[in-house]
Amino acid sequence: MSWLEIVLTVMSSLIGMELFAWVAHKYIMHGWGWAWHRDHHEPHDKVLEKNDLYAVVFGTINAAMYIYGALYWDWLWWFAVGITLYGVIYTLVHDGLVHQRYFKWVPRKGYAKRLVQAHRLHHATIGKEGGVSFGFVFARDPAKLKAELKAQKEAGIAVVRDSAGAMGEDFEVAGRNL
């Protein structure tokens, strides 16, 4: 493989992972896989969550892609590199920045603040129904997400927490899981 092919493969898999993450989060984690994901949406002080099993499953699949790619197909190995890079970004942004599992920092401006706001709005719903912002790296405008969440609440699609800052103007971090 040429360096251009490698870079394009890694970048396309890295970007494609955001689409995969959105679909998996909306239709698996908030669908038939809710039993593992539920504790991620509920307040707790445990170090690990059942939701962390998703990282184990996806990491195992990624490891298999490295092995198969190394043995039979270079493209798959480089595709796995992009997935790994996405995993690193995901864990730093989602687990680290948003849920503060690794460090404490509340962004006051810029794109990091927008990511936190969007994910806080995702966690504003009670239960698996409804919700906004199922991606992890590309965050839509929080004002638009807030309006969408309000419409879901009014339509009876979603039950929204009053204390999560979803319906008010305050988008600050309100604890590790909320």
N, C-alpha and C. Protein backbone atom coordinates (compact mmCIF):
# COMPACT_ATOMS: atom_id res chain seq x y z
N MET A 1 0.84 -1.19 0.00
CA MET A 1 0.00 0.00 0.00
C MET A 1 0.87 1.24 0.00
N SER A 2 0.44 2.25 -0.71
CA SER A 2 1.17 3.52 -0.71
C SER A 2 0.81 4.31 0.55
N TRP A 3 1.63 5.30 0.87
CA TRP A 3 1.34 6.14 2.04
C TRP A 3 0.02 6.88 1.87
N LEU A 4 -0.30 7.30 0.66
CA LEU A 4 -1.57 7.98 0.42
C LEU A 4 -2.74 7.05 0.72
N GLU A 5 -2.64 5.80 0.25
CA GLU A 5 -3.70 4.83 0.53
C GLU A 5 -3.84 4.57 2.03
N ILE A 6 -2.71 4.50 2.71
CA ILE A 6 -2.73 4.27 4.17
C ILE A 6 -3.41 5.43 4.87
N VAL A 7 -2.99 6.65 4.54
CA VAL A 7 -3.57 7.84 5.19
C VAL A 7 -5.07 7.93 4.90
N LEU A 8 -5.46 7.71 3.66
CA LEU A 8 -6.88 7.77 3.30
C LEU A 8 -7.69 6.68 4.00
N THR A 9 -7.12 5.48 4.11
CA THR A 9 -7.80 4.39 4.79
C THR A 9 -7.99 4.70 6.27
N VAL A 10 -6.93 5.16 6.93
CA VAL A 10 -7.00 5.48 8.36
C VAL A 10 -7.99 6.62 8.59
N MET A 11 -7.89 7.67 7.79
CA MET A 11 -8.78 8.83 7.97
C MET A 11 -10.24 8.47 7.68
N SER A 12 -10.47 7.68 6.64
CA SER A 12 -11.86 7.32 6.33
C SER A 12 -12.46 6.43 7.42
N SER A 13 -11.66 5.53 7.98
CA SER A 13 -12.19 4.69 9.05
C SER A 13 -12.41 5.51 10.32
N LEU A 14 -11.51 6.43 10.60
CA LEU A 14 -11.65 7.29 11.77
C LEU A 14 -12.93 8.12 11.66
N ILE A 15 -13.16 8.73 10.53
CA ILE A 15 -14.37 9.55 10.32
C ILE A 15 -15.61 8.66 10.27
N GLY A 16 -15.50 7.51 9.60
CA GLY A 16 -16.62 6.59 9.53
C GLY A 16 -17.05 6.06 10.89
N MET A 17 -16.13 6.03 11.83
CA MET A 17 -16.47 5.56 13.17
C MET A 17 -17.46 6.48 13.86
N GLU A 18 -17.45 7.75 13.55
CA GLU A 18 -18.44 8.65 14.16
C GLU A 18 -19.84 8.28 13.68
N LEU A 19 -19.97 7.93 12.42
CA LEU A 19 -21.26 7.47 11.90
C LEU A 19 -21.65 6.14 12.56
N PHE A 20 -20.71 5.21 12.63
CA PHE A 20 -20.98 3.94 13.29
C PHE A 20 -21.37 4.16 14.75
N ALA A 21 -20.65 5.04 15.44
CA ALA A 21 -20.93 5.31 16.86
C ALA A 21 -22.33 5.88 17.02
N TRP A 22 -22.73 6.78 16.13
CA TRP A 22 -24.07 7.37 16.20
C TRP A 22 -25.13 6.28 16.05
N VAL A 23 -24.98 5.43 15.04
CA VAL A 23 -25.95 4.36 14.78
C VAL A 23 -25.97 3.36 15.95
N ALA A 24 -24.80 2.95 16.40
CA ALA A 24 -24.72 1.98 17.51
C ALA A 24 -25.32 2.56 18.78
N HIS A 25 -25.03 3.83 19.05
CA HIS A 25 -25.53 4.47 20.26
C HIS A 25 -27.06 4.61 20.21
N LYS A 26 -27.58 5.06 19.09
CA LYS A 26 -29.03 5.28 18.98
C LYS A 26 -29.82 3.98 18.91
N TYR A 27 -29.37 3.03 18.11
CA TYR A 27 -30.18 1.85 17.84
C TYR A 27 -29.80 0.60 18.63
N ILE A 28 -28.58 0.53 19.11
CA ILE A 28 -28.19 -0.61 19.94
C ILE A 28 -28.24 -0.20 21.42
N MET A 29 -27.45 0.80 21.79
CA MET A 29 -27.37 1.17 23.20
C MET A 29 -28.69 1.72 23.73
N HIS A 30 -29.41 2.46 22.91
CA HIS A 30 -30.72 2.97 23.32
C HIS A 30 -31.84 2.11 22.77
N GLY A 31 -31.50 0.92 22.32
CA GLY A 31 -32.47 -0.05 21.81
C GLY A 31 -32.33 -1.35 22.57
N TRP A 32 -32.05 -2.43 21.84
CA TRP A 32 -32.00 -3.75 22.46
C TRP A 32 -30.83 -3.92 23.43
N GLY A 33 -29.82 -3.05 23.37
CA GLY A 33 -28.67 -3.14 24.29
C GLY A 33 -28.76 -2.21 25.49
N TRP A 34 -29.97 -1.70 25.77
CA TRP A 34 -30.16 -0.75 26.86
C TRP A 34 -29.74 -1.32 28.22
N ALA A 35 -29.86 -2.62 28.42
CA ALA A 35 -29.50 -3.22 29.71
C ALA A 35 -28.05 -2.93 30.09
N TRP A 36 -27.16 -2.89 29.12
CA TRP A 36 -25.76 -2.53 29.38
C TRP A 36 -25.57 -1.02 29.49
N HIS A 37 -26.35 -0.26 28.76
CA HIS A 37 -26.13 1.19 28.67
C HIS A 37 -26.84 1.97 29.77
N ARG A 38 -27.87 1.39 30.35
CA ARG A 38 -28.72 2.10 31.31
C ARG A 38 -27.92 2.75 32.43
N ASP A 39 -27.00 2.03 33.06
CA ASP A 39 -26.29 2.59 34.20
C ASP A 39 -25.44 3.80 33.83
N HIS A 40 -25.12 3.93 32.56
CA HIS A 40 -24.38 5.11 32.10
C HIS A 40 -25.25 6.37 32.19
N HIS A 41 -26.55 6.19 32.15
CA HIS A 41 -27.48 7.32 32.20
C HIS A 41 -28.05 7.56 33.59
N GLU A 42 -27.62 6.78 34.56
CA GLU A 42 -28.11 6.93 35.92
C GLU A 42 -26.98 7.34 36.84
N PRO A 43 -27.26 8.20 37.81
CA PRO A 43 -26.22 8.63 38.75
C PRO A 43 -25.65 7.45 39.54
N HIS A 44 -24.35 7.42 39.70
CA HIS A 44 -23.69 6.41 40.53
C HIS A 44 -22.28 6.87 40.81
N ASP A 45 -21.63 6.20 41.73
CA ASP A 45 -20.25 6.55 42.06
C ASP A 45 -19.31 5.37 41.85
N LYS A 46 -19.73 4.41 41.04
CA LYS A 46 -18.88 3.26 40.72
C LYS A 46 -17.81 3.66 39.70
N VAL A 47 -16.68 3.00 39.75
CA VAL A 47 -15.61 3.26 38.80
C VAL A 47 -15.95 2.69 37.43
N LEU A 48 -16.52 1.49 37.41
CA LEU A 48 -16.89 0.85 36.15
C LEU A 48 -18.41 0.78 36.03
N GLU A 49 -18.86 0.71 34.77
CA GLU A 49 -20.27 0.61 34.46
C GLU A 49 -20.47 -0.62 33.56
N LYS A 50 -21.68 -1.16 33.53
CA LYS A 50 -21.98 -2.21 32.56
C LYS A 50 -21.73 -1.69 31.16
N ASN A 51 -21.97 -0.40 30.95
CA ASN A 51 -21.77 0.24 29.66
C ASN A 51 -20.34 0.04 29.15
N ASP A 52 -19.38 -0.12 30.05
CA ASP A 52 -17.99 -0.33 29.65
C ASP A 52 -17.80 -1.65 28.91
N LEU A 53 -18.77 -2.55 29.01
CA LEU A 53 -18.71 -3.80 28.25
C LEU A 53 -18.73 -3.54 26.75
N TYR A 54 -19.34 -2.44 26.33
CA TYR A 54 -19.32 -2.10 24.90
C TYR A 54 -17.89 -1.88 24.43
N ALA A 55 -17.07 -1.23 25.25
CA ALA A 55 -15.67 -1.02 24.88
C ALA A 55 -14.93 -2.35 24.77
N VAL A 56 -15.26 -3.29 25.64
CA VAL A 56 -14.63 -4.61 25.59
C VAL A 56 -15.03 -5.32 24.29
N VAL A 57 -16.31 -5.29 23.96
CA VAL A 57 -16.79 -5.95 22.73
C VAL A 57 -16.18 -5.30 21.50
N PHE A 58 -16.27 -3.98 21.41
CA PHE A 58 -15.74 -3.28 20.23
C PHE A 58 -14.22 -3.41 20.15
N GLY A 59 -13.55 -3.39 21.31
CA GLY A 59 -12.10 -3.57 21.33
C GLY A 59 -11.69 -4.96 20.87
N THR A 60 -12.46 -5.96 21.23
CA THR A 60 -12.19 -7.34 20.80
C THR A 60 -12.35 -7.47 19.29
N ILE A 61 -13.39 -6.87 18.76
CA ILE A 61 -13.59 -6.88 17.30
C ILE A 61 -12.43 -6.18 16.61
N ASN A 62 -12.01 -5.05 17.17
CA ASN A 62 -10.90 -4.30 16.59
C ASN A 62 -9.60 -5.12 16.64
N ALA A 63 -9.37 -5.81 17.74
CA ALA A 63 -8.18 -6.65 17.85
C ALA A 63 -8.20 -7.76 16.80
N ALA A 64 -9.38 -8.34 16.59
CA ALA A 64 -9.51 -9.38 15.55
C ALA A 64 -9.22 -8.80 14.17
N MET A 65 -9.62 -7.56 13.95
CA MET A 65 -9.34 -6.90 12.67
C MET A 65 -7.83 -6.73 12.47
N TYR A 66 -7.11 -6.37 13.53
CA TYR A 66 -5.64 -6.26 13.45
C TYR A 66 -5.03 -7.61 13.08
N ILE A 67 -5.47 -8.65 13.76
CA ILE A 67 -4.90 -9.99 13.52
C ILE A 67 -5.19 -10.45 12.09
N TYR A 68 -6.44 -10.38 11.70
CA TYR A 68 -6.82 -10.81 10.35
C TYR A 68 -6.13 -9.94 9.30
N GLY A 69 -6.07 -8.63 9.57
CA GLY A 69 -5.41 -7.72 8.64
C GLY A 69 -3.92 -8.00 8.50
N ALA A 70 -3.26 -8.30 9.61
CA ALA A 70 -1.83 -8.61 9.57
C ALA A 70 -1.56 -9.90 8.81
N LEU A 71 -2.45 -10.85 8.94
CA LEU A 71 -2.26 -12.14 8.28
C LEU A 71 -2.68 -12.16 6.82
N TYR A 72 -3.77 -11.44 6.49
CA TYR A 72 -4.37 -11.62 5.18
C TYR A 72 -4.63 -10.36 4.35
N TRP A 73 -4.84 -9.23 5.01
CA TRP A 73 -5.31 -8.08 4.25
C TRP A 73 -4.84 -6.78 4.89
N ASP A 74 -3.83 -6.14 4.30
CA ASP A 74 -3.25 -4.90 4.85
C ASP A 74 -4.28 -3.81 5.07
N TRP A 75 -5.23 -3.68 4.16
CA TRP A 75 -6.23 -2.63 4.27
C TRP A 75 -6.98 -2.72 5.59
N LEU A 76 -7.33 -3.93 5.98
CA LEU A 76 -8.08 -4.13 7.22
C LEU A 76 -7.24 -3.72 8.42
N TRP A 77 -5.95 -3.98 8.39
CA TRP A 77 -5.07 -3.58 9.49
C TRP A 77 -5.07 -2.06 9.63
N TRP A 78 -4.95 -1.35 8.53
CA TRP A 78 -4.94 0.12 8.58
C TRP A 78 -6.32 0.68 8.94
N PHE A 79 -7.36 -0.01 8.54
CA PHE A 79 -8.71 0.37 8.93
C PHE A 79 -8.83 0.27 10.46
N ALA A 80 -8.25 -0.78 11.04
CA ALA A 80 -8.26 -0.97 12.49
C ALA A 80 -7.47 0.15 13.19
N VAL A 81 -6.43 0.66 12.54
CA VAL A 81 -5.68 1.79 13.12
C VAL A 81 -6.60 3.00 13.26
N GLY A 82 -7.39 3.29 12.24
CA GLY A 82 -8.34 4.40 12.30
C GLY A 82 -9.36 4.21 13.41
N ILE A 83 -9.83 2.98 13.56
CA ILE A 83 -10.79 2.69 14.63
C ILE A 83 -10.14 2.90 15.99
N THR A 84 -8.89 2.48 16.12
CA THR A 84 -8.16 2.68 17.38
C THR A 84 -8.01 4.17 17.69
N LEU A 85 -7.65 4.96 16.68
CA LEU A 85 -7.53 6.41 16.89
C LEU A 85 -8.85 7.01 17.34
N TYR A 86 -9.94 6.56 16.72
CA TYR A 86 -11.26 7.03 17.15
C TYR A 86 -11.51 6.64 18.60
N GLY A 87 -11.14 5.43 18.97
CA GLY A 87 -11.31 4.97 20.35
C GLY A 87 -10.55 5.83 21.34
N VAL A 88 -9.35 6.25 20.97
CA VAL A 88 -8.55 7.13 21.83
C VAL A 88 -9.24 8.49 21.96
N ILE A 89 -9.67 9.05 20.83
CA ILE A 89 -10.39 10.33 20.86
C ILE A 89 -11.66 10.20 21.70
N TYR A 90 -12.40 9.12 21.47
CA TYR A 90 -13.65 8.88 22.21
C TYR A 90 -13.39 8.84 23.71
N THR A 91 -12.40 8.06 24.13
CA THR A 91 -12.19 7.93 25.57
C THR A 91 -11.71 9.24 26.19
N LEU A 92 -10.92 10.01 25.46
CA LEU A 92 -10.49 11.31 26.00
C LEU A 92 -11.64 12.30 26.06
N VAL A 93 -12.45 12.35 24.99
CA VAL A 93 -13.55 13.32 24.92
C VAL A 93 -14.73 12.88 25.78
N HIS A 94 -15.24 11.69 25.53
CA HIS A 94 -16.46 11.24 26.22
C HIS A 94 -16.19 10.89 27.68
N ASP A 95 -15.29 9.96 27.91
CA ASP A 95 -15.04 9.53 29.28
C ASP A 95 -14.24 10.57 30.07
N GLY A 96 -13.25 11.18 29.42
CA GLY A 96 -12.40 12.14 30.12
C GLY A 96 -13.04 13.51 30.28
N LEU A 97 -13.33 14.17 29.17
CA LEU A 97 -13.83 15.54 29.21
C LEU A 97 -15.28 15.61 29.70
N VAL A 98 -16.17 14.87 29.06
CA VAL A 98 -17.59 15.00 29.37
C VAL A 98 -17.94 14.40 30.73
N HIS A 99 -17.52 13.16 30.97
CA HIS A 99 -17.89 12.51 32.22
C HIS A 99 -16.83 12.60 33.30
N GLN A 100 -15.71 13.21 33.00
CA GLN A 100 -14.65 13.49 33.96
C GLN A 100 -14.18 12.24 34.70
N ARG A 101 -14.01 11.16 33.96
CA ARG A 101 -13.53 9.92 34.58
C ARG A 101 -12.02 9.95 34.78
N TYR A 102 -11.29 10.78 34.03
CA TYR A 102 -9.83 10.79 34.10
C TYR A 102 -9.26 12.11 34.62
N PHE A 103 -9.96 13.19 34.37
CA PHE A 103 -9.46 14.50 34.77
C PHE A 103 -10.63 15.44 34.99
N LYS A 104 -10.39 16.51 35.73
CA LYS A 104 -11.44 17.49 36.02
C LYS A 104 -11.12 18.79 35.28
N TRP A 105 -11.93 19.07 34.29
CA TRP A 105 -11.80 20.34 33.56
C TRP A 105 -13.13 20.65 32.92
N VAL A 106 -13.66 21.81 33.20
CA VAL A 106 -14.93 22.23 32.61
C VAL A 106 -14.61 23.34 31.61
N PRO A 107 -14.76 23.06 30.32
CA PRO A 107 -14.46 24.09 29.32
C PRO A 107 -15.46 25.23 29.38
N ARG A 108 -14.98 26.43 29.24
CA ARG A 108 -15.82 27.63 29.32
C ARG A 108 -16.15 28.23 27.97
N LYS A 109 -15.45 27.77 26.92
CA LYS A 109 -15.74 28.31 25.59
C LYS A 109 -15.23 27.34 24.53
N GLY A 110 -15.59 27.61 23.31
CA GLY A 110 -15.07 26.85 22.19
C GLY A 110 -15.77 25.52 21.96
N TYR A 111 -15.14 24.72 21.11
CA TYR A 111 -15.74 23.46 20.70
C TYR A 111 -15.83 22.46 21.85
N ALA A 112 -14.87 22.49 22.76
CA ALA A 112 -14.92 21.58 23.91
C ALA A 112 -16.17 21.84 24.74
N LYS A 113 -16.52 23.11 24.95
CA LYS A 113 -17.75 23.44 25.68
C LYS A 113 -18.96 22.93 24.92
N ARG A 114 -18.95 23.08 23.61
CA ARG A 114 -20.07 22.62 22.79
C ARG A 114 -20.25 21.11 22.89
N LEU A 115 -19.14 20.36 22.90
CA LEU A 115 -19.21 18.91 23.07
C LEU A 115 -19.84 18.53 24.40
N VAL A 116 -19.42 19.20 25.46
CA VAL A 116 -19.95 18.92 26.78
C VAL A 116 -21.44 19.26 26.82
N GLN A 117 -21.82 20.42 26.28
CA GLN A 117 -23.22 20.82 26.27
C GLN A 117 -24.08 19.81 25.51
N ALA A 118 -23.62 19.41 24.33
CA ALA A 118 -24.39 18.46 23.52
C ALA A 118 -24.58 17.14 24.25
N HIS A 119 -23.53 16.66 24.89
CA HIS A 119 -23.65 15.38 25.58
C HIS A 119 -24.49 15.50 26.85
N ARG A 120 -24.41 16.63 27.52
CA ARG A 120 -25.27 16.87 28.68
C ARG A 120 -26.74 16.83 28.26
N LEU A 121 -27.03 17.39 27.11
CA LEU A 121 -28.40 17.35 26.60
C LEU A 121 -28.80 15.93 26.25
N HIS A 122 -27.86 15.12 25.79
CA HIS A 122 -28.15 13.71 25.55
C HIS A 122 -28.57 13.02 26.85
N HIS A 123 -27.89 13.35 27.92
CA HIS A 123 -28.16 12.74 29.22
C HIS A 123 -29.35 13.38 29.94
N ALA A 124 -29.99 14.33 29.33
CA ALA A 124 -31.13 15.00 29.97
C ALA A 124 -32.39 14.15 29.98
N THR A 125 -32.45 13.11 29.17
CA THR A 125 -33.64 12.27 29.14
C THR A 125 -33.55 11.17 30.19
N ILE A 126 -34.71 10.76 30.65
CA ILE A 126 -34.81 9.64 31.58
C ILE A 126 -35.29 8.45 30.75
N GLY A 127 -34.55 7.38 30.76
CA GLY A 127 -34.90 6.21 29.98
C GLY A 127 -34.28 6.25 28.59
N LYS A 128 -34.61 5.24 27.81
CA LYS A 128 -33.97 5.10 26.50
C LYS A 128 -34.72 5.79 25.37
N GLU A 129 -35.93 6.24 25.62
CA GLU A 129 -36.75 6.85 24.56
C GLU A 129 -36.36 8.29 24.31
N GLY A 130 -36.50 8.70 23.05
CA GLY A 130 -36.20 10.08 22.67
C GLY A 130 -34.72 10.35 22.78
N GLY A 131 -34.39 11.60 22.98
CA GLY A 131 -33.00 11.98 23.15
C GLY A 131 -32.43 12.68 21.93
N VAL A 132 -31.30 13.30 22.14
CA VAL A 132 -30.59 14.04 21.10
C VAL A 132 -29.10 13.72 21.22
N SER A 133 -28.36 14.09 20.21
CA SER A 133 -26.90 14.03 20.23
C SER A 133 -26.35 12.64 20.54
N PHE A 134 -26.50 11.73 19.59
CA PHE A 134 -26.04 10.36 19.79
C PHE A 134 -24.59 10.15 19.33
N GLY A 135 -24.01 11.12 18.64
CA GLY A 135 -22.61 11.03 18.25
C GLY A 135 -21.72 11.42 19.41
N PHE A 136 -20.41 11.36 19.20
CA PHE A 136 -19.50 11.65 20.29
C PHE A 136 -18.48 12.74 19.98
N VAL A 137 -18.17 12.95 18.73
CA VAL A 137 -17.11 13.90 18.39
C VAL A 137 -17.67 15.13 17.67
N PHE A 138 -18.64 14.92 16.80
CA PHE A 138 -19.25 16.04 16.08
C PHE A 138 -20.52 16.45 16.82
N ALA A 139 -20.51 17.64 17.39
CA ALA A 139 -21.63 18.09 18.20
C ALA A 139 -22.40 19.19 17.48
N ARG A 140 -23.72 19.00 17.41
CA ARG A 140 -24.58 20.02 16.83
C ARG A 140 -24.75 21.18 17.80
N ASP A 141 -25.28 22.27 17.31
CA ASP A 141 -25.52 23.47 18.10
C ASP A 141 -26.42 23.13 19.30
N PRO A 142 -25.96 23.38 20.52
CA PRO A 142 -26.75 23.06 21.71
C PRO A 142 -28.13 23.73 21.72
N ALA A 143 -28.24 24.93 21.19
CA ALA A 143 -29.55 25.59 21.16
C ALA A 143 -30.54 24.80 20.30
N LYS A 144 -30.08 24.25 19.18
CA LYS A 144 -30.94 23.43 18.32
C LYS A 144 -31.28 22.11 19.00
N LEU A 145 -30.30 21.52 19.67
CA LEU A 145 -30.54 20.28 20.40
C LEU A 145 -31.56 20.50 21.52
N LYS A 146 -31.42 21.62 22.20
CA LYS A 146 -32.33 21.96 23.29
C LYS A 146 -33.76 22.11 22.76
N ALA A 147 -33.91 22.77 21.62
CA ALA A 147 -35.24 22.94 21.02
C ALA A 147 -35.82 21.59 20.60
N GLU A 148 -34.98 20.72 20.05
CA GLU A 148 -35.42 19.39 19.65
C GLU A 148 -35.86 18.57 20.86
N LEU A 149 -35.12 18.68 21.94
CA LEU A 149 -35.46 17.97 23.17
C LEU A 149 -36.77 18.50 23.75
N LYS A 150 -36.96 19.80 23.71
CA LYS A 150 -38.20 20.41 24.20
C LYS A 150 -39.39 19.91 23.38
N ALA A 151 -39.22 19.82 22.07
CA ALA A 151 -40.29 19.32 21.19
C ALA A 151 -40.60 17.85 21.51
N GLN A 152 -39.57 17.06 21.77
CA GLN A 152 -39.78 15.65 22.14
C GLN A 152 -40.56 15.55 23.45
N LYS A 153 -40.22 16.42 24.39
CA LYS A 153 -40.90 16.42 25.68
C LYS A 153 -42.37 16.78 25.49
N GLU A 154 -42.63 17.81 24.72
CA GLU A 154 -44.01 18.26 24.49
C GLU A 154 -44.83 17.22 23.73
N ALA A 155 -44.16 16.45 22.85
CA ALA A 155 -44.85 15.41 22.07
C ALA A 155 -44.99 14.11 22.85
N GLY A 156 -44.43 14.05 24.05
CA GLY A 156 -44.51 12.85 24.86
C GLY A 156 -43.55 11.75 24.43
N ILE A 157 -42.56 12.10 23.62
CA ILE A 157 -41.58 11.12 23.14
C ILE A 157 -40.51 10.86 24.20
N ALA A 158 -40.11 11.92 24.89
CA ALA A 158 -39.02 11.82 25.86
C ALA A 158 -39.45 12.38 27.21
N VAL A 159 -38.95 11.77 28.27
CA VAL A 159 -39.09 12.31 29.61
C VAL A 159 -37.77 13.00 29.91
N VAL A 160 -37.84 14.27 30.27
CA VAL A 160 -36.64 15.09 30.43
C VAL A 160 -36.42 15.43 31.90
N ARG A 161 -35.18 15.29 32.34
CA ARG A 161 -34.81 15.65 33.71
C ARG A 161 -34.90 17.15 33.87
N ASP A 162 -35.48 17.61 34.94
CA ASP A 162 -35.51 19.04 35.22
C ASP A 162 -34.16 19.54 35.69
N SER A 163 -33.40 18.69 36.39
CA SER A 163 -32.16 19.11 37.03
C SER A 163 -30.92 19.01 36.15
N ALA A 164 -31.06 18.50 34.94
CA ALA A 164 -29.87 18.28 34.11
C ALA A 164 -29.46 19.50 33.32
N GLY A 165 -30.16 20.61 33.49
CA GLY A 165 -29.80 21.81 32.74
C GLY A 165 -30.31 21.77 31.31
N ALA A 166 -31.11 20.77 30.98
CA ALA A 166 -31.56 20.61 29.60
C ALA A 166 -32.55 21.67 29.20
N MET A 167 -33.39 22.09 30.11
CA MET A 167 -34.43 23.03 29.73
C MET A 167 -34.10 24.45 30.18
N GLY A 168 -33.08 24.60 30.97
CA GLY A 168 -32.67 25.93 31.42
C GLY A 168 -31.49 26.43 30.60
N GLU A 169 -30.92 27.51 31.01
CA GLU A 169 -29.81 28.11 30.28
C GLU A 169 -28.46 27.58 30.74
N ASP A 170 -28.41 26.93 31.89
CA ASP A 170 -27.15 26.48 32.46
C ASP A 170 -26.71 25.16 31.84
N PHE A 171 -25.53 25.16 31.21
CA PHE A 171 -25.04 23.95 30.58
C PHE A 171 -23.82 23.40 31.31
N GLU A 172 -23.59 23.82 32.53
CA GLU A 172 -22.40 23.38 33.23
C GLU A 172 -22.50 21.90 33.60
N VAL A 173 -21.35 21.30 33.86
CA VAL A 173 -21.31 19.90 34.26
C VAL A 173 -21.99 19.77 35.61
N ALA A 174 -22.92 18.82 35.72
CA ALA A 174 -23.68 18.64 36.96
C ALA A 174 -23.38 17.28 37.58
N GLY A 175 -22.15 16.87 37.56
CA GLY A 175 -21.79 15.58 38.13
C GLY A 175 -21.29 14.64 37.04
N ARG A 176 -20.68 13.53 37.44
CA ARG A 176 -20.04 12.65 36.49
C ARG A 176 -21.00 12.06 35.48
N ASN A 177 -22.18 11.67 35.88
CA ASN A 177 -23.06 10.99 34.96
C ASN A 177 -24.26 11.79 34.52
N LEU A 178 -24.46 12.95 35.01
CA LEU A 178 -25.61 13.75 34.57
C LEU A 178 -25.18 15.03 33.95
